[in-house]
Amino acid sequence: MLKSLDPRVNRLSLPEEFETPMASKEQLDQFETYQAFVQTKEGKPFEHAGIVHAPNEEMAFLFAKEQFSRRGMFCNALCVVKTELIQVSNFTDNQQDIYDTFEGQYSGDTSESFEVFHLLKRGKQHKYIGNVQAKDFEDGLLAAKETYPRSKPVFNVWITKSENILMSDEEDVDIWNTLKEKKYRDAIDYRAADKIKAFKEEQAQG
């Protein structure tokens, strides 16, 4: 079985073949990275939560659930996409809108579906802006430029094909429910004060 410094990986009892997840590339000393996005409330846009290392997108989804929807972090929905499948634009400075640097015209082609994420403030996370139809990534950026009006400058854009995203659905709603007997993550469930009080009373009686 695959051994890891991450106890979550060890608990999965993964076969050793996962140790080299990219056989066609140079061997890595860790899993590939996936970007995780969470929706904290129904109707709100997905927002980038962080990165997880995983052997495939299914495991990335589980690791993201463990990492970004626990310890009181409410999560209405979750999605992940492999980092290498996201096209990233340049960053702009001095309040310049990145879309103003894109040249050309949207082709009007609708052969591919793309999801678009905007960075609206330095130091914050990318937020989902919407879907566009285009022939390729560059055309998708031009489609987003025409489709989504902006009241504030966009400093950076992430775009990925819709087919590359693994997203939770209504059937996954129970994966965030903690079993009653497994609420060890919530400090209140330790009832530490009650246990200390009982211990002191026991010692006093002894």
N, C-alpha and C. Protein backbone atom coordinates (compact mmCIF):
# COMPACT_ATOMS: atom_id res chain seq x y z
N MET A 1 0.83 -1.19 0.00
CA MET A 1 0.00 0.00 0.00
C MET A 1 0.87 1.26 0.00
N LEU A 2 0.34 2.30 -0.59
CA LEU A 2 1.05 3.56 -0.67
C LEU A 2 1.17 4.20 0.71
N LYS A 3 2.37 4.64 1.07
CA LYS A 3 2.62 5.30 2.34
C LYS A 3 2.82 6.79 2.09
N SER A 4 2.27 7.60 2.98
CA SER A 4 2.34 9.04 2.81
C SER A 4 2.52 9.72 4.16
N LEU A 5 3.03 10.95 4.14
CA LEU A 5 3.10 11.76 5.36
C LEU A 5 1.73 12.31 5.71
N ASP A 6 0.80 12.23 4.80
CA ASP A 6 -0.56 12.70 5.04
C ASP A 6 -1.40 11.53 5.57
N PRO A 7 -1.88 11.58 6.80
CA PRO A 7 -2.65 10.46 7.36
C PRO A 7 -3.93 10.18 6.60
N ARG A 8 -4.49 11.20 5.94
CA ARG A 8 -5.71 10.97 5.16
C ARG A 8 -5.44 10.04 3.99
N VAL A 9 -4.25 10.15 3.39
CA VAL A 9 -3.88 9.26 2.30
C VAL A 9 -3.69 7.84 2.81
N ASN A 10 -3.04 7.69 3.95
CA ASN A 10 -2.81 6.36 4.52
C ASN A 10 -4.12 5.64 4.84
N ARG A 11 -5.12 6.41 5.31
CA ARG A 11 -6.41 5.80 5.67
C ARG A 11 -7.13 5.23 4.46
N LEU A 12 -6.76 5.68 3.27
CA LEU A 12 -7.43 5.22 2.05
C LEU A 12 -6.92 3.88 1.56
N SER A 13 -5.76 3.43 2.07
CA SER A 13 -5.17 2.16 1.64
C SER A 13 -5.04 2.08 0.12
N LEU A 14 -4.46 3.12 -0.46
CA LEU A 14 -4.30 3.18 -1.91
C LEU A 14 -3.22 2.21 -2.38
N PRO A 15 -3.40 1.60 -3.54
CA PRO A 15 -2.36 0.72 -4.09
C PRO A 15 -1.14 1.53 -4.49
N GLU A 16 0.03 0.89 -4.54
CA GLU A 16 1.28 1.59 -4.80
C GLU A 16 1.33 2.21 -6.19
N GLU A 17 0.48 1.76 -7.10
CA GLU A 17 0.53 2.31 -8.46
C GLU A 17 0.18 3.80 -8.49
N PHE A 18 -0.49 4.29 -7.45
CA PHE A 18 -0.82 5.71 -7.38
C PHE A 18 0.41 6.55 -7.07
N GLU A 19 1.51 5.90 -6.73
CA GLU A 19 2.71 6.64 -6.35
C GLU A 19 3.30 7.41 -7.54
N THR A 20 3.02 6.97 -8.76
CA THR A 20 3.47 7.70 -9.95
C THR A 20 2.25 8.00 -10.81
N PRO A 21 1.47 9.03 -10.44
CA PRO A 21 0.20 9.30 -11.11
C PRO A 21 0.34 9.79 -12.54
N MET A 22 1.53 10.19 -12.97
CA MET A 22 1.71 10.71 -14.31
C MET A 22 2.76 9.88 -15.04
N ALA A 23 2.36 8.72 -15.51
CA ALA A 23 3.31 7.79 -16.10
C ALA A 23 3.94 8.35 -17.36
N SER A 24 3.19 9.23 -18.06
CA SER A 24 3.71 9.75 -19.32
C SER A 24 4.65 10.94 -19.13
N LYS A 25 4.79 11.40 -17.89
CA LYS A 25 5.66 12.54 -17.60
C LYS A 25 6.74 12.12 -16.61
N GLU A 26 7.59 13.04 -16.27
CA GLU A 26 8.61 12.72 -15.28
C GLU A 26 7.93 12.34 -13.97
N GLN A 27 8.52 11.38 -13.29
CA GLN A 27 7.93 10.95 -12.03
C GLN A 27 7.95 12.08 -11.01
N LEU A 28 6.84 12.18 -10.25
CA LEU A 28 6.71 13.22 -9.24
C LEU A 28 6.87 12.63 -7.85
N ASP A 29 7.26 13.46 -6.88
CA ASP A 29 7.37 12.98 -5.51
C ASP A 29 6.10 13.25 -4.73
N GLN A 30 5.04 13.71 -5.42
CA GLN A 30 3.76 13.92 -4.78
C GLN A 30 2.67 13.88 -5.85
N PHE A 31 1.41 13.85 -5.41
CA PHE A 31 0.30 13.81 -6.35
C PHE A 31 0.17 15.13 -7.10
N GLU A 32 -0.56 15.07 -8.21
CA GLU A 32 -0.86 16.29 -8.96
C GLU A 32 -1.77 17.20 -8.15
N THR A 33 -1.84 18.47 -8.54
CA THR A 33 -2.67 19.42 -7.80
C THR A 33 -4.01 19.65 -8.50
N TYR A 34 -5.00 19.89 -7.67
CA TYR A 34 -6.35 20.23 -8.13
C TYR A 34 -6.80 21.49 -7.41
N GLN A 35 -7.53 22.34 -8.11
CA GLN A 35 -8.07 23.55 -7.52
C GLN A 35 -9.49 23.25 -7.04
N ALA A 36 -9.79 23.67 -5.83
CA ALA A 36 -11.11 23.43 -5.24
C ALA A 36 -11.89 24.73 -5.13
N PHE A 37 -13.18 24.66 -5.43
CA PHE A 37 -14.07 25.81 -5.35
C PHE A 37 -15.28 25.43 -4.51
N VAL A 38 -15.72 26.33 -3.65
CA VAL A 38 -16.87 26.05 -2.79
C VAL A 38 -17.95 27.10 -2.98
N GLN A 39 -19.18 26.67 -2.78
CA GLN A 39 -20.33 27.57 -2.75
C GLN A 39 -20.86 27.53 -1.33
N THR A 40 -20.76 28.65 -0.63
CA THR A 40 -21.11 28.67 0.79
C THR A 40 -22.61 28.75 1.04
N LYS A 41 -23.35 29.24 0.04
CA LYS A 41 -24.79 29.38 0.19
C LYS A 41 -25.44 29.27 -1.17
N GLU A 42 -26.61 28.62 -1.22
CA GLU A 42 -27.29 28.45 -2.50
C GLU A 42 -27.55 29.81 -3.15
N GLY A 43 -27.21 29.92 -4.42
CA GLY A 43 -27.40 31.16 -5.14
C GLY A 43 -26.16 32.03 -5.19
N LYS A 44 -25.19 31.78 -4.30
CA LYS A 44 -23.95 32.55 -4.31
C LYS A 44 -22.97 31.92 -5.30
N PRO A 45 -22.04 32.71 -5.84
CA PRO A 45 -21.08 32.15 -6.81
C PRO A 45 -20.05 31.25 -6.13
N PHE A 46 -19.55 30.29 -6.88
CA PHE A 46 -18.46 29.46 -6.38
C PHE A 46 -17.23 30.34 -6.21
N GLU A 47 -16.46 30.07 -5.16
CA GLU A 47 -15.24 30.83 -4.89
C GLU A 47 -14.08 29.87 -4.67
N HIS A 48 -12.92 30.23 -5.18
CA HIS A 48 -11.74 29.39 -5.02
C HIS A 48 -11.41 29.24 -3.54
N ALA A 49 -11.25 27.98 -3.10
CA ALA A 49 -10.97 27.71 -1.69
C ALA A 49 -9.51 27.36 -1.45
N GLY A 50 -8.87 26.68 -2.41
CA GLY A 50 -7.49 26.29 -2.23
C GLY A 50 -7.11 25.12 -3.10
N ILE A 51 -5.98 24.50 -2.78
CA ILE A 51 -5.41 23.43 -3.58
C ILE A 51 -5.34 22.14 -2.78
N VAL A 52 -5.56 21.03 -3.46
CA VAL A 52 -5.35 19.71 -2.86
C VAL A 52 -4.48 18.89 -3.80
N HIS A 53 -3.71 17.96 -3.22
CA HIS A 53 -2.94 17.00 -4.00
C HIS A 53 -3.72 15.69 -4.00
N ALA A 54 -3.86 15.07 -5.17
CA ALA A 54 -4.63 13.83 -5.24
C ALA A 54 -4.23 13.03 -6.48
N PRO A 55 -4.46 11.70 -6.45
CA PRO A 55 -4.11 10.85 -7.59
C PRO A 55 -5.09 10.94 -8.74
N ASN A 56 -6.33 11.39 -8.48
CA ASN A 56 -7.34 11.55 -9.52
C ASN A 56 -8.40 12.53 -9.02
N GLU A 57 -9.34 12.90 -9.88
CA GLU A 57 -10.30 13.93 -9.51
C GLU A 57 -11.28 13.47 -8.44
N GLU A 58 -11.60 12.17 -8.42
CA GLU A 58 -12.51 11.67 -7.39
C GLU A 58 -11.90 11.82 -6.00
N MET A 59 -10.61 11.46 -5.89
CA MET A 59 -9.94 11.60 -4.60
C MET A 59 -9.72 13.08 -4.27
N ALA A 60 -9.49 13.89 -5.30
CA ALA A 60 -9.35 15.33 -5.08
C ALA A 60 -10.64 15.89 -4.49
N PHE A 61 -11.76 15.41 -4.98
CA PHE A 61 -13.06 15.87 -4.47
C PHE A 61 -13.20 15.51 -2.99
N LEU A 62 -12.83 14.29 -2.63
CA LEU A 62 -12.94 13.87 -1.23
C LEU A 62 -11.98 14.65 -0.34
N PHE A 63 -10.75 14.87 -0.81
CA PHE A 63 -9.79 15.65 -0.03
C PHE A 63 -10.27 17.09 0.13
N ALA A 64 -10.84 17.64 -0.93
CA ALA A 64 -11.35 19.01 -0.86
C ALA A 64 -12.51 19.10 0.12
N LYS A 65 -13.37 18.10 0.12
CA LYS A 65 -14.48 18.07 1.08
C LYS A 65 -13.94 18.05 2.51
N GLU A 66 -12.92 17.24 2.74
CA GLU A 66 -12.32 17.13 4.06
C GLU A 66 -11.63 18.43 4.47
N GLN A 67 -10.96 19.07 3.52
CA GLN A 67 -10.16 20.24 3.83
C GLN A 67 -10.97 21.53 3.94
N PHE A 68 -11.98 21.68 3.08
CA PHE A 68 -12.63 22.98 2.96
C PHE A 68 -14.10 23.01 3.38
N SER A 69 -14.64 21.91 3.89
CA SER A 69 -16.03 21.95 4.34
C SER A 69 -16.20 21.37 5.74
N ARG A 70 -15.12 21.38 6.50
CA ARG A 70 -15.16 20.89 7.87
C ARG A 70 -14.93 22.03 8.85
N ARG A 71 -14.95 21.66 10.14
CA ARG A 71 -14.64 22.61 11.22
C ARG A 71 -15.46 23.89 11.13
N GLY A 72 -16.77 23.72 10.94
CA GLY A 72 -17.66 24.86 10.96
C GLY A 72 -17.74 25.63 9.67
N MET A 73 -17.02 25.19 8.61
CA MET A 73 -17.07 25.87 7.32
C MET A 73 -18.25 25.32 6.53
N PHE A 74 -19.35 26.10 6.45
CA PHE A 74 -20.53 25.60 5.74
C PHE A 74 -20.27 25.57 4.25
N CYS A 75 -20.68 24.47 3.63
CA CYS A 75 -20.45 24.29 2.20
C CYS A 75 -21.72 23.75 1.56
N ASN A 76 -22.31 24.53 0.68
CA ASN A 76 -23.52 24.11 0.00
C ASN A 76 -23.20 23.23 -1.20
N ALA A 77 -22.09 23.51 -1.86
CA ALA A 77 -21.67 22.73 -3.03
C ALA A 77 -20.17 22.87 -3.21
N LEU A 78 -19.59 21.93 -3.93
CA LEU A 78 -18.14 21.85 -4.08
C LEU A 78 -17.80 21.37 -5.49
N CYS A 79 -16.71 21.89 -6.05
CA CYS A 79 -16.22 21.36 -7.32
C CYS A 79 -14.70 21.43 -7.35
N VAL A 80 -14.09 20.57 -8.17
CA VAL A 80 -12.64 20.54 -8.31
C VAL A 80 -12.28 20.42 -9.79
N VAL A 81 -11.10 20.93 -10.13
CA VAL A 81 -10.59 20.80 -11.49
C VAL A 81 -9.07 20.71 -11.42
N LYS A 82 -8.49 19.85 -12.24
CA LYS A 82 -7.04 19.69 -12.25
C LYS A 82 -6.38 21.01 -12.65
N THR A 83 -5.34 21.38 -11.92
CA THR A 83 -4.69 22.68 -12.13
C THR A 83 -4.22 22.86 -13.57
N GLU A 84 -3.66 21.83 -14.17
CA GLU A 84 -3.10 21.97 -15.51
C GLU A 84 -4.17 22.17 -16.58
N LEU A 85 -5.45 21.96 -16.22
CA LEU A 85 -6.53 22.13 -17.18
C LEU A 85 -7.16 23.52 -17.10
N ILE A 86 -6.60 24.38 -16.28
CA ILE A 86 -7.07 25.76 -16.16
C ILE A 86 -6.11 26.67 -16.92
N GLN A 87 -6.66 27.47 -17.81
CA GLN A 87 -5.87 28.47 -18.52
C GLN A 87 -5.92 29.76 -17.71
N VAL A 88 -4.76 30.35 -17.47
CA VAL A 88 -4.66 31.54 -16.61
C VAL A 88 -4.16 32.73 -17.43
N SER A 89 -4.85 33.84 -17.32
CA SER A 89 -4.43 35.05 -18.04
C SER A 89 -3.28 35.72 -17.30
N ASN A 90 -2.71 36.75 -17.89
CA ASN A 90 -1.73 37.57 -17.19
C ASN A 90 -2.42 38.36 -16.08
N PHE A 91 -1.61 38.93 -15.18
CA PHE A 91 -2.13 39.83 -14.16
C PHE A 91 -1.93 41.27 -14.62
N THR A 92 -2.85 42.12 -14.23
CA THR A 92 -2.72 43.54 -14.56
C THR A 92 -2.44 44.35 -13.29
N ASP A 93 -1.92 45.54 -13.49
CA ASP A 93 -1.61 46.45 -12.39
C ASP A 93 -2.33 47.78 -12.58
N ASN A 94 -2.30 48.59 -11.52
CA ASN A 94 -2.80 49.97 -11.59
C ASN A 94 -4.24 50.06 -12.09
N GLN A 95 -5.09 49.15 -11.58
CA GLN A 95 -6.52 49.18 -11.87
C GLN A 95 -6.85 48.97 -13.35
N GLN A 96 -5.95 48.37 -14.10
CA GLN A 96 -6.24 48.08 -15.50
C GLN A 96 -7.05 46.79 -15.61
N ASP A 97 -8.09 46.79 -16.40
CA ASP A 97 -8.92 45.60 -16.62
C ASP A 97 -8.18 44.68 -17.60
N ILE A 98 -8.01 43.41 -17.19
CA ILE A 98 -7.29 42.46 -18.02
C ILE A 98 -7.96 42.29 -19.38
N TYR A 99 -9.29 42.44 -19.43
CA TYR A 99 -9.99 42.27 -20.69
C TYR A 99 -9.61 43.34 -21.71
N ASP A 100 -9.17 44.49 -21.22
CA ASP A 100 -8.75 45.55 -22.13
C ASP A 100 -7.47 45.19 -22.88
N THR A 101 -6.78 44.17 -22.42
CA THR A 101 -5.53 43.75 -23.08
C THR A 101 -5.77 42.67 -24.12
N PHE A 102 -7.01 42.13 -24.18
CA PHE A 102 -7.30 41.06 -25.14
C PHE A 102 -7.64 41.67 -26.50
N GLU A 103 -6.98 41.21 -27.52
CA GLU A 103 -7.23 41.69 -28.88
C GLU A 103 -8.04 40.66 -29.66
N GLY A 104 -8.79 41.15 -30.62
CA GLY A 104 -9.57 40.27 -31.45
C GLY A 104 -11.04 40.34 -31.14
N GLN A 105 -11.84 39.60 -31.90
CA GLN A 105 -13.28 39.57 -31.76
C GLN A 105 -13.75 38.14 -31.50
N TYR A 106 -14.76 38.01 -30.66
CA TYR A 106 -15.36 36.71 -30.39
C TYR A 106 -15.93 36.15 -31.69
N SER A 107 -15.65 34.87 -31.96
CA SER A 107 -16.04 34.25 -33.22
C SER A 107 -17.52 33.92 -33.31
N GLY A 108 -18.17 33.75 -32.15
CA GLY A 108 -19.56 33.32 -32.16
C GLY A 108 -19.71 31.81 -32.21
N ASP A 109 -18.60 31.10 -32.25
CA ASP A 109 -18.61 29.64 -32.28
C ASP A 109 -19.11 29.10 -30.93
N THR A 110 -19.93 28.05 -30.97
CA THR A 110 -20.48 27.49 -29.73
C THR A 110 -20.15 26.01 -29.57
N SER A 111 -19.03 25.59 -30.13
CA SER A 111 -18.68 24.17 -30.13
C SER A 111 -18.18 23.65 -28.79
N GLU A 112 -17.63 24.53 -27.94
CA GLU A 112 -17.11 24.12 -26.63
C GLU A 112 -17.74 24.95 -25.52
N SER A 113 -17.85 24.35 -24.34
CA SER A 113 -18.39 25.05 -23.17
C SER A 113 -17.27 25.32 -22.17
N PHE A 114 -17.20 26.57 -21.68
CA PHE A 114 -16.13 26.98 -20.77
C PHE A 114 -16.72 27.64 -19.52
N GLU A 115 -16.02 27.47 -18.39
CA GLU A 115 -16.40 28.14 -17.14
C GLU A 115 -15.34 29.20 -16.83
N VAL A 116 -15.80 30.37 -16.38
CA VAL A 116 -14.92 31.53 -16.22
C VAL A 116 -14.92 32.02 -14.77
N PHE A 117 -13.72 32.33 -14.27
CA PHE A 117 -13.54 32.81 -12.90
C PHE A 117 -12.76 34.13 -12.92
N HIS A 118 -13.20 35.10 -12.14
CA HIS A 118 -12.56 36.43 -12.10
C HIS A 118 -11.87 36.69 -10.77
N LEU A 119 -10.75 37.37 -10.83
CA LEU A 119 -10.09 37.91 -9.64
C LEU A 119 -10.35 39.42 -9.64
N LEU A 120 -11.13 39.89 -8.67
CA LEU A 120 -11.53 41.29 -8.64
C LEU A 120 -10.75 42.13 -7.64
N LYS A 121 -9.98 41.46 -6.78
CA LYS A 121 -9.21 42.20 -5.79
C LYS A 121 -7.96 41.42 -5.43
N ARG A 122 -6.85 42.08 -5.42
CA ARG A 122 -5.58 41.43 -5.06
C ARG A 122 -5.67 40.87 -3.64
N GLY A 123 -5.15 39.68 -3.45
CA GLY A 123 -5.18 39.05 -2.14
C GLY A 123 -6.44 38.28 -1.85
N LYS A 124 -7.45 38.38 -2.73
CA LYS A 124 -8.69 37.64 -2.57
C LYS A 124 -8.68 36.40 -3.47
N GLN A 125 -9.80 35.69 -3.48
CA GLN A 125 -9.89 34.48 -4.27
C GLN A 125 -10.67 34.72 -5.57
N HIS A 126 -10.43 33.87 -6.54
CA HIS A 126 -11.19 33.94 -7.79
C HIS A 126 -12.63 33.51 -7.54
N LYS A 127 -13.56 34.20 -8.19
CA LYS A 127 -14.98 33.87 -8.08
C LYS A 127 -15.54 33.50 -9.45
N TYR A 128 -16.47 32.55 -9.41
CA TYR A 128 -17.10 32.10 -10.65
C TYR A 128 -17.98 33.21 -11.21
N ILE A 129 -17.81 33.50 -12.51
CA ILE A 129 -18.60 34.55 -13.14
C ILE A 129 -19.65 33.99 -14.08
N GLY A 130 -19.36 32.84 -14.71
CA GLY A 130 -20.37 32.24 -15.58
C GLY A 130 -19.79 31.36 -16.67
N ASN A 131 -20.70 30.94 -17.57
CA ASN A 131 -20.36 30.01 -18.64
C ASN A 131 -20.39 30.72 -19.98
N VAL A 132 -19.48 30.33 -20.86
CA VAL A 132 -19.49 30.85 -22.23
C VAL A 132 -19.29 29.70 -23.21
N GLN A 133 -19.73 29.91 -24.43
CA GLN A 133 -19.55 28.94 -25.51
C GLN A 133 -18.56 29.53 -26.51
N ALA A 134 -17.55 28.75 -26.88
CA ALA A 134 -16.52 29.26 -27.78
C ALA A 134 -15.79 28.10 -28.45
N LYS A 135 -14.88 28.42 -29.37
CA LYS A 135 -14.16 27.37 -30.10
C LYS A 135 -12.89 26.93 -29.39
N ASP A 136 -12.29 27.81 -28.56
CA ASP A 136 -11.08 27.46 -27.82
C ASP A 136 -10.93 28.43 -26.64
N PHE A 137 -9.84 28.28 -25.89
CA PHE A 137 -9.66 29.10 -24.69
C PHE A 137 -9.60 30.60 -25.02
N GLU A 138 -8.81 30.95 -26.02
CA GLU A 138 -8.67 32.36 -26.37
C GLU A 138 -10.01 32.96 -26.79
N ASP A 139 -10.76 32.19 -27.57
CA ASP A 139 -12.07 32.64 -28.01
C ASP A 139 -13.03 32.74 -26.82
N GLY A 140 -12.82 31.83 -25.84
CA GLY A 140 -13.65 31.86 -24.63
C GLY A 140 -13.44 33.13 -23.83
N LEU A 141 -12.21 33.61 -23.77
CA LEU A 141 -11.93 34.86 -23.07
C LEU A 141 -12.60 36.04 -23.76
N LEU A 142 -12.59 36.03 -25.08
CA LEU A 142 -13.25 37.09 -25.83
C LEU A 142 -14.76 37.02 -25.66
N ALA A 143 -15.28 35.80 -25.57
CA ALA A 143 -16.72 35.64 -25.34
C ALA A 143 -17.11 36.17 -23.96
N ALA A 144 -16.26 35.89 -22.96
CA ALA A 144 -16.53 36.39 -21.61
C ALA A 144 -16.47 37.91 -21.58
N LYS A 145 -15.56 38.48 -22.33
CA LYS A 145 -15.42 39.94 -22.40
C LYS A 145 -16.71 40.57 -22.91
N GLU A 146 -17.33 39.93 -23.91
CA GLU A 146 -18.57 40.46 -24.47
C GLU A 146 -19.79 40.12 -23.62
N THR A 147 -19.74 39.01 -22.93
CA THR A 147 -20.93 38.51 -22.24
C THR A 147 -21.16 39.14 -20.88
N TYR A 148 -20.07 39.39 -20.13
CA TYR A 148 -20.21 39.82 -18.74
C TYR A 148 -19.72 41.25 -18.55
N PRO A 149 -20.65 42.21 -18.39
CA PRO A 149 -20.26 43.61 -18.14
C PRO A 149 -19.57 43.72 -16.78
N ARG A 150 -18.67 44.69 -16.65
CA ARG A 150 -17.87 44.80 -15.43
C ARG A 150 -17.91 46.23 -14.90
N SER A 151 -18.28 46.34 -13.63
CA SER A 151 -18.28 47.66 -12.98
C SER A 151 -16.93 47.93 -12.32
N LYS A 152 -16.16 46.87 -12.10
CA LYS A 152 -14.83 46.98 -11.52
C LYS A 152 -13.82 46.27 -12.43
N PRO A 153 -12.57 46.67 -12.42
CA PRO A 153 -11.58 45.99 -13.26
C PRO A 153 -11.32 44.57 -12.80
N VAL A 154 -11.10 43.69 -13.75
CA VAL A 154 -10.74 42.30 -13.47
C VAL A 154 -9.24 42.18 -13.63
N PHE A 155 -8.56 41.71 -12.59
CA PHE A 155 -7.10 41.66 -12.61
C PHE A 155 -6.54 40.37 -13.22
N ASN A 156 -7.35 39.31 -13.19
CA ASN A 156 -6.88 38.02 -13.69
C ASN A 156 -8.08 37.14 -13.99
N VAL A 157 -7.96 36.27 -14.99
CA VAL A 157 -9.05 35.38 -15.37
C VAL A 157 -8.56 33.94 -15.40
N TRP A 158 -9.37 33.04 -14.84
CA TRP A 158 -9.16 31.60 -15.00
C TRP A 158 -10.29 31.09 -15.88
N ILE A 159 -9.96 30.22 -16.82
CA ILE A 159 -10.98 29.64 -17.69
C ILE A 159 -10.65 28.16 -17.91
N THR A 160 -11.67 27.32 -17.86
CA THR A 160 -11.48 25.89 -18.05
C THR A 160 -12.68 25.30 -18.75
N LYS A 161 -12.49 24.21 -19.46
CA LYS A 161 -13.61 23.55 -20.12
C LYS A 161 -14.57 22.99 -19.08
N SER A 162 -15.86 23.10 -19.35
CA SER A 162 -16.87 22.62 -18.41
C SER A 162 -16.71 21.14 -18.12
N GLU A 163 -16.30 20.38 -19.12
CA GLU A 163 -16.15 18.93 -18.96
C GLU A 163 -15.03 18.55 -18.00
N ASN A 164 -14.15 19.49 -17.69
CA ASN A 164 -13.02 19.19 -16.80
C ASN A 164 -13.36 19.36 -15.32
N ILE A 165 -14.55 19.85 -15.03
CA ILE A 165 -14.92 20.13 -13.64
C ILE A 165 -15.73 18.98 -13.06
N LEU A 166 -15.31 18.51 -11.89
CA LEU A 166 -16.09 17.52 -11.14
C LEU A 166 -16.84 18.28 -10.06
N MET A 167 -18.17 18.23 -10.13
CA MET A 167 -18.99 19.04 -9.23
C MET A 167 -19.95 18.17 -8.44
N SER A 168 -20.21 18.57 -7.20
CA SER A 168 -21.20 17.87 -6.40
C SER A 168 -22.58 18.12 -6.98
N ASP A 169 -23.50 17.20 -6.71
CA ASP A 169 -24.87 17.40 -7.15
C ASP A 169 -25.80 17.14 -5.98
N GLU A 170 -27.11 17.15 -6.23
CA GLU A 170 -28.08 17.01 -5.15
C GLU A 170 -27.93 15.69 -4.41
N GLU A 171 -27.44 14.66 -5.08
CA GLU A 171 -27.28 13.37 -4.43
C GLU A 171 -26.13 13.37 -3.44
N ASP A 172 -25.24 14.38 -3.53
CA ASP A 172 -24.08 14.44 -2.66
C ASP A 172 -24.33 15.22 -1.38
N VAL A 173 -25.56 15.71 -1.17
CA VAL A 173 -25.82 16.61 -0.05
C VAL A 173 -25.47 15.98 1.28
N ASP A 174 -25.64 14.64 1.41
CA ASP A 174 -25.39 13.99 2.69
C ASP A 174 -23.91 13.85 3.02
N ILE A 175 -23.02 14.12 2.08
CA ILE A 175 -21.61 13.91 2.37
C ILE A 175 -21.08 14.93 3.37
N TRP A 176 -21.85 16.03 3.60
CA TRP A 176 -21.40 17.02 4.56
C TRP A 176 -22.03 16.82 5.93
N ASN A 177 -22.95 15.85 6.06
CA ASN A 177 -23.59 15.61 7.33
C ASN A 177 -22.68 14.76 8.22
N THR A 178 -22.34 15.29 9.38
CA THR A 178 -21.49 14.55 10.32
C THR A 178 -22.36 13.62 11.15
N LEU A 179 -21.99 12.36 11.23
CA LEU A 179 -22.74 11.42 12.04
C LEU A 179 -22.72 11.83 13.51
N LYS A 180 -23.80 11.54 14.22
CA LYS A 180 -23.90 11.94 15.61
C LYS A 180 -22.75 11.39 16.44
N GLU A 181 -22.34 10.17 16.13
CA GLU A 181 -21.27 9.55 16.91
C GLU A 181 -19.89 10.00 16.43
N LYS A 182 -19.81 10.89 15.41
CA LYS A 182 -18.54 11.32 14.86
C LYS A 182 -18.32 12.82 14.98
N LYS A 183 -18.92 13.45 15.95
CA LYS A 183 -18.79 14.90 16.09
C LYS A 183 -17.57 15.29 16.92
N TYR A 184 -16.51 14.51 16.81
CA TYR A 184 -15.32 14.79 17.59
C TYR A 184 -14.62 16.05 17.13
N ARG A 185 -14.94 16.58 15.96
CA ARG A 185 -14.28 17.79 15.47
C ARG A 185 -14.79 19.04 16.18
N ASP A 186 -15.99 18.96 16.77
CA ASP A 186 -16.56 20.12 17.45
C ASP A 186 -16.16 20.08 18.91
N ALA A 187 -15.47 21.12 19.36
CA ALA A 187 -14.97 21.14 20.74
C ALA A 187 -16.08 20.99 21.75
N ILE A 188 -17.27 21.53 21.44
CA ILE A 188 -18.37 21.47 22.39
C ILE A 188 -18.79 20.04 22.67
N ASP A 189 -18.55 19.15 21.72
CA ASP A 189 -18.97 17.76 21.90
C ASP A 189 -18.04 16.97 22.81
N TYR A 190 -16.89 17.54 23.14
CA TYR A 190 -16.03 16.87 24.12
C TYR A 190 -16.60 17.01 25.53
N ARG A 191 -17.45 18.02 25.76
CA ARG A 191 -17.99 18.31 27.09
C ARG A 191 -16.88 18.35 28.12
N ALA A 192 -15.82 19.07 27.79
CA ALA A 192 -14.63 19.10 28.64
C ALA A 192 -14.94 19.64 30.02
N ALA A 193 -15.72 20.71 30.11
CA ALA A 193 -16.02 21.32 31.41
C ALA A 193 -16.73 20.33 32.32
N ASP A 194 -17.69 19.57 31.77
CA ASP A 194 -18.41 18.59 32.57
C ASP A 194 -17.48 17.49 33.07
N LYS A 195 -16.57 17.07 32.20
CA LYS A 195 -15.65 15.99 32.58
C LYS A 195 -14.68 16.46 33.65
N ILE A 196 -14.21 17.69 33.55
CA ILE A 196 -13.30 18.23 34.56
C ILE A 196 -14.01 18.35 35.90
N LYS A 197 -15.24 18.84 35.87
CA LYS A 197 -16.02 18.98 37.09
C LYS A 197 -16.24 17.63 37.75
N ALA A 198 -16.60 16.62 36.95
CA ALA A 198 -16.82 15.28 37.48
C ALA A 198 -15.55 14.70 38.07
N PHE A 199 -14.42 14.95 37.40
CA PHE A 199 -13.13 14.46 37.89
C PHE A 199 -12.79 15.08 39.24
N LYS A 200 -13.00 16.38 39.37
CA LYS A 200 -12.70 17.08 40.63
C LYS A 200 -13.58 16.56 41.76
N GLU A 201 -14.86 16.33 41.44
CA GLU A 201 -15.77 15.81 42.47
C GLU A 201 -15.35 14.43 42.92
N GLU A 202 -14.90 13.61 41.95
CA GLU A 202 -14.46 12.25 42.26
C GLU A 202 -13.21 12.28 43.15
N GLN A 203 -12.29 13.21 42.84
CA GLN A 203 -11.08 13.33 43.63
C GLN A 203 -11.38 13.82 45.04
N ALA A 204 -12.33 14.74 45.14
CA ALA A 204 -12.71 15.27 46.47
C ALA A 204 -13.33 14.20 47.34
N GLN A 205 -14.11 13.33 46.73
CA GLN A 205 -14.76 12.26 47.47
C GLN A 205 -13.77 11.18 47.87
N GLY A 206 -12.70 11.04 47.07
CA GLY A 206 -11.70 10.02 47.35
C GLY A 206 -10.78 10.42 48.44
